[in-house]
Amino acid sequence: MKMEAIFEISNIKVLLYLLEKGNARYSELLRDVIPSRSTLALTLKDLQDDHLVERKVEATRPVQTWYILTSRARKIAEHLSAIKKLTS
């Protein structure tokens, strides 16, 4: 994982949202966090590649895809959340 990737605003937004919600579907993240499909898709791919977000697919009709934090990402997000609280 590249350290500077943690500090990209789109990554921070997704990490903090998933910390608060526990998990989220793509449509929720699109509606509540990053309103651009291309930016959200790239952000989620980068976070998955860095092993910070896991993508879980449920074989239902229609197929449901959930995004959740890895344990490593949860620790990072908790620190980011603490910094956010200190600065607000």
N, C-alpha and C. Protein backbone atom coordinates (compact mmCIF):
# COMPACT_ATOMS: atom_id res chain seq x y z
N MET A 1 0.84 -1.18 0.00
CA MET A 1 0.00 0.00 0.00
C MET A 1 0.88 1.24 0.00
N LYS A 2 0.48 2.19 -0.80
CA LYS A 2 1.19 3.46 -0.83
C LYS A 2 0.63 4.35 0.26
N MET A 3 1.49 4.88 1.10
CA MET A 3 1.06 5.69 2.22
C MET A 3 0.26 6.91 1.78
N GLU A 4 0.68 7.54 0.66
CA GLU A 4 -0.02 8.74 0.21
C GLU A 4 -1.45 8.43 -0.23
N ALA A 5 -1.72 7.19 -0.59
CA ALA A 5 -3.07 6.83 -1.02
C ALA A 5 -4.08 6.98 0.11
N ILE A 6 -3.65 6.80 1.33
CA ILE A 6 -4.55 6.94 2.48
C ILE A 6 -5.08 8.37 2.58
N PHE A 7 -4.28 9.32 2.14
CA PHE A 7 -4.65 10.73 2.31
C PHE A 7 -5.40 11.32 1.13
N GLU A 8 -5.74 10.51 0.14
CA GLU A 8 -6.59 11.01 -0.94
C GLU A 8 -8.00 11.17 -0.38
N ILE A 9 -8.62 12.29 -0.67
CA ILE A 9 -9.90 12.63 -0.05
C ILE A 9 -10.99 11.61 -0.34
N SER A 10 -11.00 11.07 -1.55
CA SER A 10 -12.03 10.07 -1.88
C SER A 10 -11.83 8.80 -1.04
N ASN A 11 -10.58 8.41 -0.81
CA ASN A 11 -10.31 7.25 0.03
C ASN A 11 -10.73 7.50 1.48
N ILE A 12 -10.42 8.68 1.98
CA ILE A 12 -10.79 9.04 3.35
C ILE A 12 -12.31 9.01 3.51
N LYS A 13 -13.02 9.57 2.55
CA LYS A 13 -14.48 9.59 2.62
C LYS A 13 -15.06 8.18 2.69
N VAL A 14 -14.56 7.28 1.85
CA VAL A 14 -15.06 5.90 1.83
C VAL A 14 -14.69 5.19 3.13
N LEU A 15 -13.46 5.34 3.58
CA LEU A 15 -13.04 4.68 4.82
C LEU A 15 -13.88 5.13 6.02
N LEU A 16 -14.10 6.44 6.14
CA LEU A 16 -14.88 6.95 7.26
C LEU A 16 -16.35 6.52 7.17
N TYR A 17 -16.90 6.50 5.97
CA TYR A 17 -18.28 6.08 5.79
C TYR A 17 -18.45 4.61 6.19
N LEU A 18 -17.53 3.76 5.71
CA LEU A 18 -17.62 2.34 6.05
C LEU A 18 -17.36 2.09 7.53
N LEU A 19 -16.52 2.90 8.15
CA LEU A 19 -16.31 2.78 9.59
C LEU A 19 -17.61 3.05 10.33
N GLU A 20 -18.32 4.08 9.89
CA GLU A 20 -19.58 4.45 10.55
C GLU A 20 -20.69 3.45 10.27
N LYS A 21 -20.81 3.00 9.03
CA LYS A 21 -21.94 2.15 8.63
C LYS A 21 -21.67 0.66 8.79
N GLY A 22 -20.42 0.26 8.78
CA GLY A 22 -20.10 -1.16 8.88
C GLY A 22 -19.92 -1.81 7.52
N ASN A 23 -20.87 -1.59 6.63
CA ASN A 23 -20.77 -2.06 5.25
C ASN A 23 -21.68 -1.19 4.40
N ALA A 24 -21.50 -1.26 3.10
CA ALA A 24 -22.33 -0.46 2.21
C ALA A 24 -22.33 -1.06 0.82
N ARG A 25 -23.43 -0.85 0.13
CA ARG A 25 -23.53 -1.26 -1.27
C ARG A 25 -23.01 -0.12 -2.14
N TYR A 26 -22.68 -0.45 -3.37
CA TYR A 26 -22.16 0.53 -4.31
C TYR A 26 -23.11 1.72 -4.44
N SER A 27 -24.40 1.44 -4.55
CA SER A 27 -25.38 2.52 -4.73
C SER A 27 -25.43 3.46 -3.53
N GLU A 28 -25.23 2.93 -2.33
CA GLU A 28 -25.19 3.78 -1.14
C GLU A 28 -23.97 4.71 -1.17
N LEU A 29 -22.82 4.13 -1.52
CA LEU A 29 -21.60 4.92 -1.60
C LEU A 29 -21.73 6.00 -2.67
N LEU A 30 -22.37 5.66 -3.78
CA LEU A 30 -22.57 6.61 -4.86
C LEU A 30 -23.49 7.75 -4.41
N ARG A 31 -24.52 7.41 -3.70
CA ARG A 31 -25.49 8.41 -3.24
C ARG A 31 -24.94 9.27 -2.10
N ASP A 32 -24.26 8.65 -1.15
CA ASP A 32 -23.89 9.34 0.10
C ASP A 32 -22.45 9.84 0.18
N VAL A 33 -21.55 9.28 -0.63
CA VAL A 33 -20.13 9.59 -0.43
C VAL A 33 -19.50 10.25 -1.66
N ILE A 34 -19.51 9.55 -2.77
CA ILE A 34 -18.85 10.04 -3.99
C ILE A 34 -19.86 9.95 -5.14
N PRO A 35 -20.41 11.08 -5.58
CA PRO A 35 -21.48 11.04 -6.58
C PRO A 35 -21.04 10.77 -8.02
N SER A 36 -19.78 10.55 -8.24
CA SER A 36 -19.27 10.27 -9.58
C SER A 36 -18.98 8.77 -9.70
N ARG A 37 -19.64 8.11 -10.65
CA ARG A 37 -19.45 6.66 -10.83
C ARG A 37 -17.99 6.30 -11.11
N SER A 38 -17.35 7.06 -11.98
CA SER A 38 -15.96 6.74 -12.35
C SER A 38 -15.01 6.93 -11.17
N THR A 39 -15.20 8.01 -10.42
CA THR A 39 -14.35 8.26 -9.25
C THR A 39 -14.57 7.19 -8.18
N LEU A 40 -15.82 6.84 -7.94
CA LEU A 40 -16.12 5.82 -6.94
C LEU A 40 -15.55 4.48 -7.35
N ALA A 41 -15.72 4.10 -8.59
CA ALA A 41 -15.21 2.81 -9.07
C ALA A 41 -13.69 2.75 -8.92
N LEU A 42 -13.01 3.81 -9.29
CA LEU A 42 -11.55 3.86 -9.17
C LEU A 42 -11.12 3.82 -7.71
N THR A 43 -11.82 4.56 -6.85
CA THR A 43 -11.50 4.58 -5.42
C THR A 43 -11.65 3.19 -4.82
N LEU A 44 -12.78 2.52 -5.11
CA LEU A 44 -13.00 1.19 -4.56
C LEU A 44 -11.97 0.19 -5.07
N LYS A 45 -11.61 0.29 -6.34
CA LYS A 45 -10.60 -0.61 -6.90
C LYS A 45 -9.26 -0.39 -6.21
N ASP A 46 -8.88 0.87 -6.03
CA ASP A 46 -7.61 1.18 -5.35
C ASP A 46 -7.61 0.66 -3.91
N LEU A 47 -8.71 0.86 -3.20
CA LEU A 47 -8.81 0.40 -1.81
C LEU A 47 -8.77 -1.13 -1.73
N GLN A 48 -9.38 -1.79 -2.71
CA GLN A 48 -9.32 -3.26 -2.75
C GLN A 48 -7.90 -3.72 -3.05
N ASP A 49 -7.25 -3.07 -4.01
CA ASP A 49 -5.88 -3.44 -4.37
C ASP A 49 -4.92 -3.26 -3.19
N ASP A 50 -5.20 -2.28 -2.33
CA ASP A 50 -4.38 -2.01 -1.15
C ASP A 50 -4.83 -2.83 0.06
N HIS A 51 -5.79 -3.73 -0.13
CA HIS A 51 -6.31 -4.61 0.93
C HIS A 51 -6.91 -3.82 2.09
N LEU A 52 -7.59 -2.73 1.75
CA LEU A 52 -8.26 -1.92 2.77
C LEU A 52 -9.77 -2.13 2.75
N VAL A 53 -10.29 -2.54 1.62
CA VAL A 53 -11.72 -2.79 1.48
C VAL A 53 -11.91 -4.15 0.83
N GLU A 54 -12.86 -4.91 1.37
CA GLU A 54 -13.23 -6.20 0.78
C GLU A 54 -14.56 -6.06 0.07
N ARG A 55 -14.68 -6.74 -1.04
CA ARG A 55 -15.91 -6.75 -1.82
C ARG A 55 -16.57 -8.11 -1.62
N LYS A 56 -17.77 -8.11 -1.07
CA LYS A 56 -18.51 -9.35 -0.82
C LYS A 56 -19.70 -9.39 -1.77
N VAL A 57 -19.84 -10.50 -2.48
CA VAL A 57 -20.93 -10.67 -3.42
C VAL A 57 -21.85 -11.76 -2.90
N GLU A 58 -23.15 -11.41 -2.78
CA GLU A 58 -24.15 -12.38 -2.35
C GLU A 58 -24.90 -12.87 -3.58
N ALA A 59 -24.99 -14.18 -3.71
CA ALA A 59 -25.64 -14.78 -4.87
C ALA A 59 -27.16 -14.77 -4.71
N THR A 60 -27.72 -13.58 -4.70
CA THR A 60 -29.18 -13.43 -4.62
C THR A 60 -29.65 -12.90 -5.96
N ARG A 61 -30.94 -12.76 -6.11
CA ARG A 61 -31.49 -12.16 -7.33
C ARG A 61 -32.17 -10.87 -6.95
N PRO A 62 -31.72 -9.73 -7.38
CA PRO A 62 -30.46 -9.52 -8.11
C PRO A 62 -29.25 -9.70 -7.19
N VAL A 63 -28.11 -9.88 -7.80
CA VAL A 63 -26.86 -10.05 -7.04
C VAL A 63 -26.62 -8.79 -6.22
N GLN A 64 -26.22 -8.99 -4.97
CA GLN A 64 -25.92 -7.85 -4.10
C GLN A 64 -24.42 -7.83 -3.80
N THR A 65 -23.84 -6.66 -3.95
CA THR A 65 -22.41 -6.47 -3.68
C THR A 65 -22.26 -5.50 -2.52
N TRP A 66 -21.50 -5.93 -1.52
CA TRP A 66 -21.26 -5.13 -0.32
C TRP A 66 -19.77 -4.83 -0.22
N TYR A 67 -19.45 -3.68 0.34
CA TYR A 67 -18.07 -3.30 0.60
C TYR A 67 -17.90 -3.15 2.10
N ILE A 68 -16.83 -3.74 2.63
CA ILE A 68 -16.55 -3.68 4.07
C ILE A 68 -15.06 -3.39 4.27
N LEU A 69 -14.74 -2.82 5.42
CA LEU A 69 -13.35 -2.55 5.77
C LEU A 69 -12.64 -3.82 6.20
N THR A 70 -11.38 -3.92 5.86
CA THR A 70 -10.55 -4.98 6.43
C THR A 70 -10.17 -4.54 7.85
N SER A 71 -9.62 -5.45 8.63
CA SER A 71 -9.23 -5.08 10.00
C SER A 71 -8.16 -4.00 9.98
N ARG A 72 -7.27 -4.08 9.03
CA ARG A 72 -6.22 -3.06 8.89
C ARG A 72 -6.82 -1.70 8.56
N ALA A 73 -7.78 -1.68 7.67
CA ALA A 73 -8.43 -0.43 7.28
C ALA A 73 -9.25 0.14 8.44
N ARG A 74 -9.84 -0.73 9.24
CA ARG A 74 -10.61 -0.26 10.39
C ARG A 74 -9.71 0.53 11.34
N LYS A 75 -8.49 0.04 11.57
CA LYS A 75 -7.55 0.75 12.44
C LYS A 75 -7.19 2.12 11.84
N ILE A 76 -6.93 2.14 10.55
CA ILE A 76 -6.60 3.39 9.87
C ILE A 76 -7.78 4.36 9.96
N ALA A 77 -8.97 3.86 9.68
CA ALA A 77 -10.17 4.70 9.70
C ALA A 77 -10.45 5.24 11.11
N GLU A 78 -10.18 4.45 12.13
CA GLU A 78 -10.36 4.92 13.50
C GLU A 78 -9.42 6.09 13.80
N HIS A 79 -8.19 6.01 13.32
CA HIS A 79 -7.24 7.11 13.50
C HIS A 79 -7.70 8.36 12.72
N LEU A 80 -8.16 8.16 11.49
CA LEU A 80 -8.66 9.28 10.69
C LEU A 80 -9.87 9.93 11.37
N SER A 81 -10.73 9.11 11.93
CA SER A 81 -11.90 9.61 12.63
C SER A 81 -11.50 10.45 13.85
N ALA A 82 -10.49 9.96 14.58
CA ALA A 82 -10.01 10.72 15.74
C ALA A 82 -9.43 12.07 15.30
N ILE A 83 -8.69 12.09 14.21
CA ILE A 83 -8.14 13.35 13.70
C ILE A 83 -9.27 14.28 13.30
N LYS A 84 -10.29 13.73 12.64
CA LYS A 84 -11.44 14.53 12.23
C LYS A 84 -12.13 15.18 13.44
N LYS A 85 -12.27 14.40 14.52
CA LYS A 85 -12.91 14.93 15.74
C LYS A 85 -12.06 16.04 16.37
N LEU A 86 -10.75 15.88 16.33
CA LEU A 86 -9.87 16.90 16.91
C LEU A 86 -9.93 18.22 16.14
N THR A 87 -10.17 18.13 14.86
CA THR A 87 -10.15 19.33 14.03
C THR A 87 -11.54 19.96 13.85
N SER A 88 -12.59 19.34 14.39
CA SER A 88 -13.92 19.94 14.22
C SER A 88 -14.43 20.58 15.48
